[in-house]
Amino acid sequence: MLKNMEIKPLRSDVESSIRAHALKAKWAKAKKLFENNIRHPSLNVELLEPRWRGIYSFRLDRTYRALFFIFEGKAEIFKITKHYKK
């Protein structure tokens, strides 16, 4: 995985989800960290199971994560989701 990675412009449904969950400031901070250093420890980037699907996540806060895949060398965020730990 690369150290620096650009995030493609967000789809309108993802932007709506960020607004609906009041995550605008947290999104801006996480996006900046991600684009400067995808391995930044506070992002906790993970390759999700099953690994062959190539879906990753990174942390916005303790509750929310951004799901993404890498396409044409850029990260494409496709969902903001709640993260539950057991």
PDB file of N, CA and C in Angstrom:
ATOM      1  N   MET A   1       0.839  -1.174   0.000  1.00  0.00           N
ATOM      2  CA  MET A   1       0.000   0.000   0.000  1.00  0.00           C
ATOM      3  C   MET A   1       0.887   1.241   0.000  1.00  0.00           C
ATOM      4  N   LEU A   2       0.486   2.231  -0.741  1.00  0.00           N
ATOM      5  CA  LEU A   2       1.242   3.465  -0.861  1.00  0.00           C
ATOM      6  C   LEU A   2       1.168   4.301   0.411  1.00  0.00           C
ATOM      7  N   LYS A   3       2.150   5.195   0.578  1.00  0.00           N
ATOM      8  CA  LYS A   3       2.121   6.090   1.733  1.00  0.00           C
ATOM      9  C   LYS A   3       1.166   7.258   1.484  1.00  0.00           C
ATOM     10  N   ASN A   4       1.231   7.881   0.319  1.00  0.00           N
ATOM     11  CA  ASN A   4       0.351   8.997  -0.038  1.00  0.00           C
ATOM     12  C   ASN A   4      -0.685   8.504  -1.027  1.00  0.00           C
ATOM     13  N   MET A   5      -1.941   8.896  -0.820  1.00  0.00           N
ATOM     14  CA  MET A   5      -2.979   8.483  -1.748  1.00  0.00           C
ATOM     15  C   MET A   5      -4.085   9.526  -1.792  1.00  0.00           C
ATOM     16  N   GLU A   6      -4.445   9.902  -2.992  1.00  0.00           N
ATOM     17  CA  GLU A   6      -5.518  10.860  -3.201  1.00  0.00           C
ATOM     18  C   GLU A   6      -6.864  10.167  -3.039  1.00  0.00           C
ATOM     19  N   ILE A   7      -7.828  10.912  -2.503  1.00  0.00           N
ATOM     20  CA  ILE A   7      -9.198  10.419  -2.408  1.00  0.00           C
ATOM     21  C   ILE A   7      -9.996  11.049  -3.540  1.00  0.00           C
ATOM     22  N   LYS A   8     -10.674  10.205  -4.315  1.00  0.00           N
ATOM     23  CA  LYS A   8     -11.506  10.697  -5.408  1.00  0.00           C
ATOM     24  C   LYS A   8     -12.642  11.540  -4.843  1.00  0.00           C
ATOM     25  N   PRO A   9     -13.184  12.481  -5.627  1.00  0.00           N
ATOM     26  CA  PRO A   9     -14.330  13.267  -5.143  1.00  0.00           C
ATOM     27  C   PRO A   9     -15.455  12.346  -4.663  1.00  0.00           C
ATOM     28  N   LEU A  10     -16.098  12.752  -3.580  1.00  0.00           N
ATOM     29  CA  LEU A  10     -17.136  11.922  -2.981  1.00  0.00           C
ATOM     30  C   LEU A  10     -18.422  11.943  -3.792  1.00  0.00           C
ATOM     31  N   ARG A  11     -19.098  10.795  -3.825  1.00  0.00           N
ATOM     32  CA  ARG A  11     -20.427  10.726  -4.419  1.00  0.00           C
ATOM     33  C   ARG A  11     -21.387  11.487  -3.513  1.00  0.00           C
ATOM     34  N   SER A  12     -22.494  11.917  -4.033  1.00  0.00           N
ATOM     35  CA  SER A  12     -23.453  12.715  -3.251  1.00  0.00           C
ATOM     36  C   SER A  12     -24.027  11.929  -2.069  1.00  0.00           C
ATOM     37  N   ASP A  13     -24.238  10.617  -2.223  1.00  0.00           N
ATOM     38  CA  ASP A  13     -24.777   9.841  -1.100  1.00  0.00           C
ATOM     39  C   ASP A  13     -23.784   9.757   0.058  1.00  0.00           C
ATOM     40  N   VAL A  14     -22.503   9.715  -0.243  1.00  0.00           N
ATOM     41  CA  VAL A  14     -21.481   9.679   0.814  1.00  0.00           C
ATOM     42  C   VAL A  14     -21.408  11.045   1.497  1.00  0.00           C
ATOM     43  N   GLU A  15     -21.465  12.121   0.713  1.00  0.00           N
ATOM     44  CA  GLU A  15     -21.481  13.466   1.298  1.00  0.00           C
ATOM     45  C   GLU A  15     -22.699  13.645   2.203  1.00  0.00           C
ATOM     46  N   SER A  16     -23.841  13.139   1.774  1.00  0.00           N
ATOM     47  CA  SER A  16     -25.066  13.225   2.578  1.00  0.00           C
ATOM     48  C   SER A  16     -24.913  12.477   3.892  1.00  0.00           C
ATOM     49  N   SER A  17     -24.273  11.332   3.846  1.00  0.00           N
ATOM     50  CA  SER A  17     -24.047  10.539   5.054  1.00  0.00           C
ATOM     51  C   SER A  17     -23.135  11.286   6.030  1.00  0.00           C
ATOM     52  N   ILE A  18     -22.118  11.937   5.520  1.00  0.00           N
ATOM     53  CA  ILE A  18     -21.208  12.725   6.367  1.00  0.00           C
ATOM     54  C   ILE A  18     -21.979  13.852   7.046  1.00  0.00           C
ATOM     55  N   ARG A  19     -22.824  14.535   6.289  1.00  0.00           N
ATOM     56  CA  ARG A  19     -23.638  15.621   6.866  1.00  0.00           C
ATOM     57  C   ARG A  19     -24.647  15.076   7.880  1.00  0.00           C
ATOM     58  N   ALA A  20     -25.319  13.982   7.526  1.00  0.00           N
ATOM     59  CA  ALA A  20     -26.364  13.417   8.385  1.00  0.00           C
ATOM     60  C   ALA A  20     -25.829  12.988   9.745  1.00  0.00           C
ATOM     61  N   HIS A  21     -24.593  12.548   9.795  1.00  0.00           N
ATOM     62  CA  HIS A  21     -23.985  12.086  11.043  1.00  0.00           C
ATOM     63  C   HIS A  21     -23.081  13.139  11.684  1.00  0.00           C
ATOM     64  N   ALA A  22     -23.150  14.385  11.191  1.00  0.00           N
ATOM     65  CA  ALA A  22     -22.370  15.509  11.740  1.00  0.00           C
ATOM     66  C   ALA A  22     -20.877  15.177  11.802  1.00  0.00           C
ATOM     67  N   LEU A  23     -20.345  14.677  10.686  1.00  0.00           N
ATOM     68  CA  LEU A  23     -18.944  14.254  10.629  1.00  0.00           C
ATOM     69  C   LEU A  23     -18.074  15.162   9.748  1.00  0.00           C
ATOM     70  N   LYS A  24     -18.557  16.330   9.401  1.00  0.00           N
ATOM     71  CA  LYS A  24     -17.829  17.179   8.454  1.00  0.00           C
ATOM     72  C   LYS A  24     -16.407  17.497   8.919  1.00  0.00           C
ATOM     73  N   ALA A  25     -16.239  17.929  10.153  1.00  0.00           N
ATOM     74  CA  ALA A  25     -14.908  18.288  10.667  1.00  0.00           C
ATOM     75  C   ALA A  25     -14.030  17.036  10.798  1.00  0.00           C
ATOM     76  N   LYS A  26     -14.623  15.940  11.276  1.00  0.00           N
ATOM     77  CA  LYS A  26     -13.857  14.706  11.419  1.00  0.00           C
ATOM     78  C   LYS A  26     -13.462  14.149  10.060  1.00  0.00           C
ATOM     79  N   TRP A  27     -14.351  14.283   9.070  1.00  0.00           N
ATOM     80  CA  TRP A  27     -14.028  13.837   7.712  1.00  0.00           C
ATOM     81  C   TRP A  27     -12.855  14.642   7.159  1.00  0.00           C
ATOM     82  N   ALA A  28     -12.911  15.971   7.329  1.00  0.00           N
ATOM     83  CA  ALA A  28     -11.850  16.838   6.810  1.00  0.00           C
ATOM     84  C   ALA A  28     -10.492  16.467   7.422  1.00  0.00           C
ATOM     85  N   LYS A  29     -10.472  16.209   8.721  1.00  0.00           N
ATOM     86  CA  LYS A  29      -9.223  15.847   9.395  1.00  0.00           C
ATOM     87  C   LYS A  29      -8.718  14.487   8.905  1.00  0.00           C
ATOM     88  N   ALA A  30      -9.603  13.497   8.843  1.00  0.00           N
ATOM     89  CA  ALA A  30      -9.202  12.159   8.410  1.00  0.00           C
ATOM     90  C   ALA A  30      -8.746  12.167   6.951  1.00  0.00           C
ATOM     91  N   LYS A  31      -9.426  12.931   6.109  1.00  0.00           N
ATOM     92  CA  LYS A  31      -9.058  13.019   4.694  1.00  0.00           C
ATOM     93  C   LYS A  31      -7.651  13.582   4.543  1.00  0.00           C
ATOM     94  N   LYS A  32      -7.365  14.643   5.298  1.00  0.00           N
ATOM     95  CA  LYS A  32      -6.033  15.249   5.237  1.00  0.00           C
ATOM     96  C   LYS A  32      -4.957  14.264   5.688  1.00  0.00           C
ATOM     97  N   LEU A  33      -5.207  13.581   6.803  1.00  0.00           N
ATOM     98  CA  LEU A  33      -4.244  12.577   7.289  1.00  0.00           C
ATOM     99  C   LEU A  33      -4.049  11.475   6.254  1.00  0.00           C
ATOM    100  N   PHE A  34      -5.150  10.981   5.689  1.00  0.00           N
ATOM    101  CA  PHE A  34      -5.107   9.892   4.722  1.00  0.00           C
ATOM    102  C   PHE A  34      -4.306  10.282   3.487  1.00  0.00           C
ATOM    103  N   GLU A  35      -4.561  11.463   2.956  1.00  0.00           N
ATOM    104  CA  GLU A  35      -3.879  11.878   1.733  1.00  0.00           C
ATOM    105  C   GLU A  35      -2.405  12.177   1.965  1.00  0.00           C
ATOM    106  N   ASN A  36      -2.036  12.523   3.193  1.00  0.00           N
ATOM    107  CA  ASN A  36      -0.630  12.782   3.502  1.00  0.00           C
ATOM    108  C   ASN A  36       0.126  11.540   3.947  1.00  0.00           C
ATOM    109  N   ASN A  37      -0.581  10.616   4.618  1.00  0.00           N
ATOM    110  CA  ASN A  37       0.070   9.399   5.113  1.00  0.00           C
ATOM    111  C   ASN A  37      -0.991   8.347   5.409  1.00  0.00           C
ATOM    112  N   ILE A  38      -1.247   7.498   4.437  1.00  0.00           N
ATOM    113  CA  ILE A  38      -2.279   6.464   4.575  1.00  0.00           C
ATOM    114  C   ILE A  38      -2.005   5.545   5.763  1.00  0.00           C
ATOM    115  N   ARG A  39      -0.774   5.505   6.221  1.00  0.00           N
ATOM    116  CA  ARG A  39      -0.401   4.648   7.356  1.00  0.00           C
ATOM    117  C   ARG A  39      -0.444   5.361   8.702  1.00  0.00           C
ATOM    118  N   HIS A  40      -1.002   6.557   8.742  1.00  0.00           N
ATOM    119  CA  HIS A  40      -1.072   7.296  10.008  1.00  0.00           C
ATOM    120  C   HIS A  40      -1.821   6.437  11.032  1.00  0.00           C
ATOM    121  N   PRO A  41      -1.254   6.265  12.236  1.00  0.00           N
ATOM    122  CA  PRO A  41      -1.840   5.351  13.219  1.00  0.00           C
ATOM    123  C   PRO A  41      -3.276   5.685  13.623  1.00  0.00           C
ATOM    124  N   SER A  42      -3.658   6.955  13.650  1.00  0.00           N
ATOM    125  CA  SER A  42      -5.014   7.287  14.088  1.00  0.00           C
ATOM    126  C   SER A  42      -6.076   6.875  13.071  1.00  0.00           C
ATOM    127  N   LEU A  43      -5.674   6.618  11.837  1.00  0.00           N
ATOM    128  CA  LEU A  43      -6.634   6.181  10.815  1.00  0.00           C
ATOM    129  C   LEU A  43      -6.979   4.699  10.949  1.00  0.00           C
ATOM    130  N   ASN A  44      -6.038   3.924  11.439  1.00  0.00           N
ATOM    131  CA  ASN A  44      -6.231   2.483  11.600  1.00  0.00           C
ATOM    132  C   ASN A  44      -6.781   1.842  10.315  1.00  0.00           C
ATOM    133  N   VAL A  45      -6.087   2.048   9.200  1.00  0.00           N
ATOM    134  CA  VAL A  45      -6.497   1.489   7.911  1.00  0.00           C
ATOM    135  C   VAL A  45      -6.430  -0.032   7.972  1.00  0.00           C
ATOM    136  N   GLU A  46      -7.512  -0.680   7.521  1.00  0.00           N
ATOM    137  CA  GLU A  46      -7.578  -2.140   7.546  1.00  0.00           C
ATOM    138  C   GLU A  46      -8.092  -2.672   6.218  1.00  0.00           C
ATOM    139  N   LEU A  47      -7.554  -3.791   5.801  1.00  0.00           N
ATOM    140  CA  LEU A  47      -8.092  -4.546   4.672  1.00  0.00           C
ATOM    141  C   LEU A  47      -9.117  -5.504   5.262  1.00  0.00           C
ATOM    142  N   LEU A  48     -10.358  -5.368   4.830  1.00  0.00           N
ATOM    143  CA  LEU A  48     -11.447  -6.145   5.420  1.00  0.00           C
ATOM    144  C   LEU A  48     -11.551  -7.539   4.824  1.00  0.00           C
ATOM    145  N   GLU A  49     -12.176  -8.414   5.572  1.00  0.00           N
ATOM    146  CA  GLU A  49     -12.416  -9.787   5.122  1.00  0.00           C
ATOM    147  C   GLU A  49     -13.676  -9.846   4.270  1.00  0.00           C
ATOM    148  N   PRO A  50     -13.757 -10.657   3.284  1.00  0.00           N
ATOM    149  CA  PRO A  50     -12.670 -11.435   2.709  1.00  0.00           C
ATOM    150  C   PRO A  50     -11.711 -10.526   1.940  1.00  0.00           C
ATOM    151  N   ARG A  51     -10.448 -10.741   2.128  1.00  0.00           N
ATOM    152  CA  ARG A  51      -9.408  -9.866   1.582  1.00  0.00           C
ATOM    153  C   ARG A  51      -9.432  -9.762   0.063  1.00  0.00           C
ATOM    154  N   TRP A  52      -9.863 -10.807  -0.616  1.00  0.00           N
ATOM    155  CA  TRP A  52      -9.843 -10.811  -2.083  1.00  0.00           C
ATOM    156  C   TRP A  52     -10.756  -9.736  -2.676  1.00  0.00           C
ATOM    157  N   ARG A  53     -11.698  -9.215  -1.896  1.00  0.00           N
ATOM    158  CA  ARG A  53     -12.587  -8.159  -2.405  1.00  0.00           C
ATOM    159  C   ARG A  53     -11.880  -6.808  -2.518  1.00  0.00           C
ATOM    160  N   GLY A  54     -10.797  -6.634  -1.770  1.00  0.00           N
ATOM    161  CA  GLY A  54     -10.040  -5.384  -1.843  1.00  0.00           C
ATOM    162  C   GLY A  54     -10.746  -4.194  -1.225  1.00  0.00           C
ATOM    163  N   ILE A  55     -11.552  -4.437  -0.204  1.00  0.00           N
ATOM    164  CA  ILE A  55     -12.250  -3.352   0.489  1.00  0.00           C
ATOM    165  C   ILE A  55     -11.491  -3.022   1.767  1.00  0.00           C
ATOM    166  N   TYR A  56     -11.210  -1.742   1.934  1.00  0.00           N
ATOM    167  CA  TYR A  56     -10.470  -1.239   3.087  1.00  0.00           C
ATOM    168  C   TYR A  56     -11.378  -0.316   3.903  1.00  0.00           C
ATOM    169  N   SER A  57     -10.952  -0.025   5.121  1.00  0.00           N
ATOM    170  CA  SER A  57     -11.644   0.974   5.931  1.00  0.00           C
ATOM    171  C   SER A  57     -10.615   1.819   6.666  1.00  0.00           C
ATOM    172  N   PHE A  58     -11.035   3.040   7.008  1.00  0.00           N
ATOM    173  CA  PHE A  58     -10.235   3.865   7.915  1.00  0.00           C
ATOM    174  C   PHE A  58     -11.171   4.589   8.870  1.00  0.00           C
ATOM    175  N   ARG A  59     -10.628   4.909  10.025  1.00  0.00           N
ATOM    176  CA  ARG A  59     -11.394   5.467  11.129  1.00  0.00           C
ATOM    177  C   ARG A  59     -11.624   6.974  10.963  1.00  0.00           C
ATOM    178  N   LEU A  60     -12.877   7.385  11.170  1.00  0.00           N
ATOM    179  CA  LEU A  60     -13.200   8.807  11.283  1.00  0.00           C
ATOM    180  C   LEU A  60     -13.245   9.202  12.759  1.00  0.00           C
ATOM    181  N   ASP A  61     -13.805   8.320  13.565  1.00  0.00           N
ATOM    182  CA  ASP A  61     -13.807   8.467  15.020  1.00  0.00           C
ATOM    183  C   ASP A  61     -14.063   7.085  15.612  1.00  0.00           C
ATOM    184  N   ARG A  62     -14.383   7.013  16.893  1.00  0.00           N
ATOM    185  CA  ARG A  62     -14.583   5.706  17.527  1.00  0.00           C
ATOM    186  C   ARG A  62     -15.788   4.962  16.955  1.00  0.00           C
ATOM    187  N   THR A  63     -16.745   5.698  16.417  1.00  0.00           N
ATOM    188  CA  THR A  63     -17.985   5.090  15.949  1.00  0.00           C
ATOM    189  C   THR A  63     -18.022   4.865  14.446  1.00  0.00           C
ATOM    190  N   TYR A  64     -17.503   5.806  13.666  1.00  0.00           N
ATOM    191  CA  TYR A  64     -17.669   5.764  12.208  1.00  0.00           C
ATOM    192  C   TYR A  64     -16.374   5.465  11.466  1.00  0.00           C
ATOM    193  N   ARG A  65     -16.545   4.717  10.376  1.00  0.00           N
ATOM    194  CA  ARG A  65     -15.426   4.378   9.494  1.00  0.00           C
ATOM    195  C   ARG A  65     -15.834   4.658   8.057  1.00  0.00           C
ATOM    196  N   ALA A  66     -14.842   4.954   7.236  1.00  0.00           N
ATOM    197  CA  ALA A  66     -15.043   5.142   5.798  1.00  0.00           C
ATOM    198  C   ALA A  66     -14.589   3.866   5.096  1.00  0.00           C
ATOM    199  N   LEU A  67     -15.441   3.317   4.253  1.00  0.00           N
ATOM    200  CA  LEU A  67     -15.091   2.133   3.470  1.00  0.00           C
ATOM    201  C   LEU A  67     -14.650   2.587   2.090  1.00  0.00           C
ATOM    202  N   PHE A  68     -13.581   1.977   1.582  1.00  0.00           N
ATOM    203  CA  PHE A  68     -13.061   2.386   0.280  1.00  0.00           C
ATOM    204  C   PHE A  68     -12.386   1.230  -0.429  1.00  0.00           C
ATOM    205  N   PHE A  69     -12.216   1.420  -1.723  1.00  0.00           N
ATOM    206  CA  PHE A  69     -11.390   0.529  -2.521  1.00  0.00           C
ATOM    207  C   PHE A  69     -10.471   1.401  -3.345  1.00  0.00           C
ATOM    208  N   ILE A  70      -9.436   0.809  -3.874  1.00  0.00           N
ATOM    209  CA  ILE A  70      -8.461   1.551  -4.667  1.00  0.00           C
ATOM    210  C   ILE A  70      -8.737   1.273  -6.130  1.00  0.00           C
ATOM    211  N   PHE A  71      -8.948   2.363  -6.883  1.00  0.00           N
ATOM    212  CA  PHE A  71      -9.258   2.265  -8.302  1.00  0.00           C
ATOM    213  C   PHE A  71      -8.449   3.310  -9.040  1.00  0.00           C
ATOM    214  N   GLU A  72      -7.697   2.863 -10.038  1.00  0.00           N
ATOM    215  CA  GLU A  72      -6.848   3.759 -10.838  1.00  0.00           C
ATOM    216  C   GLU A  72      -5.913   4.583  -9.960  1.00  0.00           C
ATOM    217  N   GLY A  73      -5.369   3.938  -8.927  1.00  0.00           N
ATOM    218  CA  GLY A  73      -4.382   4.578  -8.063  1.00  0.00           C
ATOM    219  C   GLY A  73      -4.932   5.586  -7.074  1.00  0.00           C
ATOM    220  N   LYS A  74      -6.263   5.658  -6.951  1.00  0.00           N
ATOM    221  CA  LYS A  74      -6.892   6.591  -6.013  1.00  0.00           C
ATOM    222  C   LYS A  74      -7.877   5.833  -5.144  1.00  0.00           C
ATOM    223  N   ALA A  75      -8.101   6.355  -3.950  1.00  0.00           N
ATOM    224  CA  ALA A  75      -9.073   5.750  -3.040  1.00  0.00           C
ATOM    225  C   ALA A  75     -10.459   6.274  -3.390  1.00  0.00           C
ATOM    226  N   GLU A  76     -11.399   5.356  -3.525  1.00  0.00           N
ATOM    227  CA  GLU A  76     -12.785   5.749  -3.771  1.00  0.00           C
ATOM    228  C   GLU A  76     -13.617   5.330  -2.561  1.00  0.00           C
ATOM    229  N   ILE A  77     -14.108   6.334  -1.834  1.00  0.00           N
ATOM    230  CA  ILE A  77     -14.939   6.087  -0.657  1.00  0.00           C
ATOM    231  C   ILE A  77     -16.333   5.738  -1.160  1.00  0.00           C
ATOM    232  N   PHE A  78     -16.869   4.610  -0.695  1.00  0.00           N
ATOM    233  CA  PHE A  78     -18.205   4.249  -1.158  1.00  0.00           C
ATOM    234  C   PHE A  78     -19.229   4.172  -0.034  1.00  0.00           C
ATOM    235  N   LYS A  79     -18.786   4.265   1.225  1.00  0.00           N
ATOM    236  CA  LYS A  79     -19.752   4.227   2.317  1.00  0.00           C
ATOM    237  C   LYS A  79     -19.122   4.713   3.619  1.00  0.00           C
ATOM    238  N   ILE A  80     -19.939   5.426   4.407  1.00  0.00           N
ATOM    239  CA  ILE A  80     -19.583   5.762   5.779  1.00  0.00           C
ATOM    240  C   ILE A  80     -20.454   4.858   6.638  1.00  0.00           C
ATOM    241  N   THR A  81     -19.841   4.124   7.551  1.00  0.00           N
ATOM    242  CA  THR A  81     -20.583   3.119   8.305  1.00  0.00           C
ATOM    243  C   THR A  81     -20.206   3.156   9.784  1.00  0.00           C
ATOM    244  N   LYS A  82     -21.114   2.656  10.598  1.00  0.00           N
ATOM    245  CA  LYS A  82     -20.813   2.505  12.033  1.00  0.00           C
ATOM    246  C   LYS A  82     -19.901   1.306  12.192  1.00  0.00           C
ATOM    247  N   HIS A  83     -18.995   1.419  13.128  1.00  0.00           N
ATOM    248  CA  HIS A  83     -18.033   0.357  13.400  1.00  0.00           C
ATOM    249  C   HIS A  83     -18.319  -0.213  14.779  1.00  0.00           C
ATOM    250  N   TYR A  84     -18.703  -1.452  14.813  1.00  0.00           N
ATOM    251  CA  TYR A  84     -19.010  -2.103  16.086  1.00  0.00           C
ATOM    252  C   TYR A  84     -17.914  -3.092  16.414  1.00  0.00           C
ATOM    253  N   LYS A  85     -17.394  -2.999  17.608  1.00  0.00           N
ATOM    254  CA  LYS A  85     -16.409  -3.972  18.076  1.00  0.00           C
ATOM    255  C   LYS A  85     -17.080  -4.866  19.100  1.00  0.00           C
ATOM    256  N   LYS A  86     -16.758  -6.138  19.028  1.00  0.00           N
ATOM    257  CA  LYS A  86     -17.338  -7.091  19.989  1.00  0.00           C
ATOM    258  C   LYS A  86     -16.407  -7.279  21.145  1.00  0.00           C
TER     259      LYS A  86
END
